[in-house]
């Protein structure tokens, strides 16, 4: 990976159709690094066994805490959470029902 991605502090540009481009300072490693480490550990822990349905497993493991954390961040505001996630509110509600996160 490029050195700029590995730097402790990096700058990333994010654009939102509503708010235009914004710059966010990221002080920690990119999320993808943690994901890669977790997957490498997962494969190491398999002791040679072959996993099945890995894509669905990863989505399920990532989506639920993602939705919980974003809802926490927005204090339960589903409209704002959907905007942050870049999905429409109906899709968010469908996912929240799937993971039994509707209160």
C-alpha atoms as a PDB file:
ATOM      1  CA  UNK A   1       0.000   0.000   0.000  1.00  0.00           C
ATOM      2  CA  UNK A   2       1.123   3.555  -0.538  1.00  0.00           C
ATOM      3  CA  UNK A   3       2.904   5.302   2.316  1.00  0.00           C
ATOM      4  CA  UNK A   4       0.225   7.989   2.502  1.00  0.00           C
ATOM      5  CA  UNK A   5      -2.322   5.342   3.474  1.00  0.00           C
ATOM      6  CA  UNK A   6      -0.052   3.997   6.206  1.00  0.00           C
ATOM      7  CA  UNK A   7       0.636   7.416   7.762  1.00  0.00           C
ATOM      8  CA  UNK A   8      -0.675   7.937  11.247  1.00  0.00           C
ATOM      9  CA  UNK A   9      -2.492  11.080  10.158  1.00  0.00           C
ATOM     10  CA  UNK A  10      -4.022  11.338   6.730  1.00  0.00           C
ATOM     11  CA  UNK A  11      -6.520  13.604   5.067  1.00  0.00           C
ATOM     12  CA  UNK A  12      -9.503  12.189   3.216  1.00  0.00           C
ATOM     13  CA  UNK A  13     -12.028  14.064   1.139  1.00  0.00           C
ATOM     14  CA  UNK A  14     -15.641  13.038   1.473  1.00  0.00           C
ATOM     15  CA  UNK A  15     -18.449  14.359  -0.624  1.00  0.00           C
ATOM     16  CA  UNK A  16     -22.094  14.385   0.184  1.00  0.00           C
ATOM     17  CA  UNK A  17     -24.757  15.290  -2.340  1.00  0.00           C
ATOM     18  CA  UNK A  18     -26.268  17.548   0.271  1.00  0.00           C
ATOM     19  CA  UNK A  19     -23.213  19.242   1.749  1.00  0.00           C
ATOM     20  CA  UNK A  20     -20.546  19.178  -0.969  1.00  0.00           C
ATOM     21  CA  UNK A  21     -16.965  18.041  -0.403  1.00  0.00           C
ATOM     22  CA  UNK A  22     -15.506  18.112   3.094  1.00  0.00           C
ATOM     23  CA  UNK A  23     -12.112  17.220   4.494  1.00  0.00           C
ATOM     24  CA  UNK A  24     -11.841  14.899   7.463  1.00  0.00           C
ATOM     25  CA  UNK A  25      -8.623  14.347   9.381  1.00  0.00           C
ATOM     26  CA  UNK A  26      -8.077  10.686  10.200  1.00  0.00           C
ATOM     27  CA  UNK A  27      -5.640  10.167  13.067  1.00  0.00           C
ATOM     28  CA  UNK A  28      -5.752   6.393  13.238  1.00  0.00           C
ATOM     29  CA  UNK A  29      -5.182   3.659  10.736  1.00  0.00           C
ATOM     30  CA  UNK A  30      -7.776   3.202   8.014  1.00  0.00           C
ATOM     31  CA  UNK A  31     -10.657   0.864   8.832  1.00  0.00           C
ATOM     32  CA  UNK A  32      -9.570  -1.385   5.964  1.00  0.00           C
ATOM     33  CA  UNK A  33      -6.327  -2.172   7.850  1.00  0.00           C
ATOM     34  CA  UNK A  34      -8.282  -3.428  10.869  1.00  0.00           C
ATOM     35  CA  UNK A  35     -10.566  -5.416   8.582  1.00  0.00           C
ATOM     36  CA  UNK A  36      -7.627  -7.043   6.820  1.00  0.00           C
ATOM     37  CA  UNK A  37      -6.006  -7.940  10.149  1.00  0.00           C
ATOM     38  CA  UNK A  38      -9.242  -9.448  11.462  1.00  0.00           C
ATOM     39  CA  UNK A  39      -9.687 -11.545   8.317  1.00  0.00           C
ATOM     40  CA  UNK A  40      -6.084 -12.754   8.411  1.00  0.00           C
ATOM     41  CA  UNK A  41      -6.555 -13.779  12.050  1.00  0.00           C
ATOM     42  CA  UNK A  42      -9.839 -15.498  11.151  1.00  0.00           C
ATOM     43  CA  UNK A  43      -8.136 -17.544   8.418  1.00  0.00           C
ATOM     44  CA  UNK A  44      -5.257 -18.349  10.780  1.00  0.00           C
ATOM     45  CA  UNK A  45      -7.698 -19.593  13.409  1.00  0.00           C
ATOM     46  CA  UNK A  46      -9.344 -21.948  10.905  1.00  0.00           C
ATOM     47  CA  UNK A  47      -6.342 -24.284  11.108  1.00  0.00           C
ATOM     48  CA  UNK A  48      -6.601 -25.192   7.434  1.00  0.00           C
ATOM     49  CA  UNK A  49     -10.373 -25.589   7.348  1.00  0.00           C
ATOM     50  CA  UNK A  50     -12.219 -23.894   4.498  1.00  0.00           C
ATOM     51  CA  UNK A  51     -14.861 -21.331   5.473  1.00  0.00           C
ATOM     52  CA  UNK A  52     -18.245 -21.218   3.786  1.00  0.00           C
ATOM     53  CA  UNK A  53     -20.411 -18.206   2.968  1.00  0.00           C
ATOM     54  CA  UNK A  54     -17.635 -15.838   4.021  1.00  0.00           C
ATOM     55  CA  UNK A  55     -19.182 -12.854   2.254  1.00  0.00           C
ATOM     56  CA  UNK A  56     -22.457 -13.181   4.168  1.00  0.00           C
ATOM     57  CA  UNK A  57     -20.566 -13.842   7.406  1.00  0.00           C
ATOM     58  CA  UNK A  58     -18.495 -10.677   7.037  1.00  0.00           C
ATOM     59  CA  UNK A  59     -21.502  -8.544   6.095  1.00  0.00           C
ATOM     60  CA  UNK A  60     -23.425  -9.809   9.095  1.00  0.00           C
ATOM     61  CA  UNK A  61     -20.500  -9.226  11.421  1.00  0.00           C
ATOM     62  CA  UNK A  62     -19.924  -5.685  10.132  1.00  0.00           C
ATOM     63  CA  UNK A  63     -23.431  -4.390   9.404  1.00  0.00           C
ATOM     64  CA  UNK A  64     -24.993  -4.901  12.809  1.00  0.00           C
ATOM     65  CA  UNK A  65     -22.330  -3.031  14.826  1.00  0.00           C
ATOM     66  CA  UNK A  66     -22.167  -0.395  12.067  1.00  0.00           C
ATOM     67  CA  UNK A  67     -25.884   0.311  12.393  1.00  0.00           C
ATOM     68  CA  UNK A  68     -25.757   0.224  16.208  1.00  0.00           C
ATOM     69  CA  UNK A  69     -22.833   2.638  16.326  1.00  0.00           C
ATOM     70  CA  UNK A  70     -24.273   5.088  13.789  1.00  0.00           C
ATOM     71  CA  UNK A  71     -27.647   5.090  15.556  1.00  0.00           C
ATOM     72  CA  UNK A  72     -25.856   5.721  18.831  1.00  0.00           C
ATOM     73  CA  UNK A  73     -23.937   8.579  17.218  1.00  0.00           C
ATOM     74  CA  UNK A  74     -27.173  10.114  15.888  1.00  0.00           C
ATOM     75  CA  UNK A  75     -29.010   9.507  19.179  1.00  0.00           C
ATOM     76  CA  UNK A  76     -31.492   7.266  17.373  1.00  0.00           C
ATOM     77  CA  UNK A  77     -32.279   9.667  14.529  1.00  0.00           C
ATOM     78  CA  UNK A  78     -32.840   7.269  11.635  1.00  0.00           C
ATOM     79  CA  UNK A  79     -32.998   9.980   8.972  1.00  0.00           C
ATOM     80  CA  UNK A  80     -29.588  11.340   9.956  1.00  0.00           C
ATOM     81  CA  UNK A  81     -28.208   7.798  10.333  1.00  0.00           C
ATOM     82  CA  UNK A  82     -29.385   6.896   6.829  1.00  0.00           C
ATOM     83  CA  UNK A  83     -27.755  10.044   5.452  1.00  0.00           C
ATOM     84  CA  UNK A  84     -24.455   9.254   7.204  1.00  0.00           C
ATOM     85  CA  UNK A  85     -24.585   5.689   5.884  1.00  0.00           C
ATOM     86  CA  UNK A  86     -25.455   6.841   2.374  1.00  0.00           C
ATOM     87  CA  UNK A  87     -28.597   4.713   2.193  1.00  0.00           C
ATOM     88  CA  UNK A  88     -32.244   5.665   2.159  1.00  0.00           C
ATOM     89  CA  UNK A  89     -34.268   5.528   5.358  1.00  0.00           C
ATOM     90  CA  UNK A  90     -36.454   2.636   4.141  1.00  0.00           C
ATOM     91  CA  UNK A  91     -33.354   0.512   3.528  1.00  0.00           C
ATOM     92  CA  UNK A  92     -32.033   1.409   6.964  1.00  0.00           C
ATOM     93  CA  UNK A  93     -35.326   0.415   8.603  1.00  0.00           C
ATOM     94  CA  UNK A  94     -35.324  -2.888   6.705  1.00  0.00           C
ATOM     95  CA  UNK A  95     -31.800  -3.622   7.969  1.00  0.00           C
ATOM     96  CA  UNK A  96     -32.720  -2.570  11.512  1.00  0.00           C
ATOM     97  CA  UNK A  97     -35.653  -5.007  11.445  1.00  0.00           C
ATOM     98  CA  UNK A  98     -33.386  -7.744  10.093  1.00  0.00           C
ATOM     99  CA  UNK A  99     -30.936  -7.272  12.970  1.00  0.00           C
ATOM    100  CA  UNK A 100     -33.765  -6.658  15.487  1.00  0.00           C
ATOM    101  CA  UNK A 101     -32.434  -3.194  16.283  1.00  0.00           C
ATOM    102  CA  UNK A 102     -35.747  -1.339  16.196  1.00  0.00           C
ATOM    103  CA  UNK A 103     -36.704  -0.282  19.692  1.00  0.00           C
END
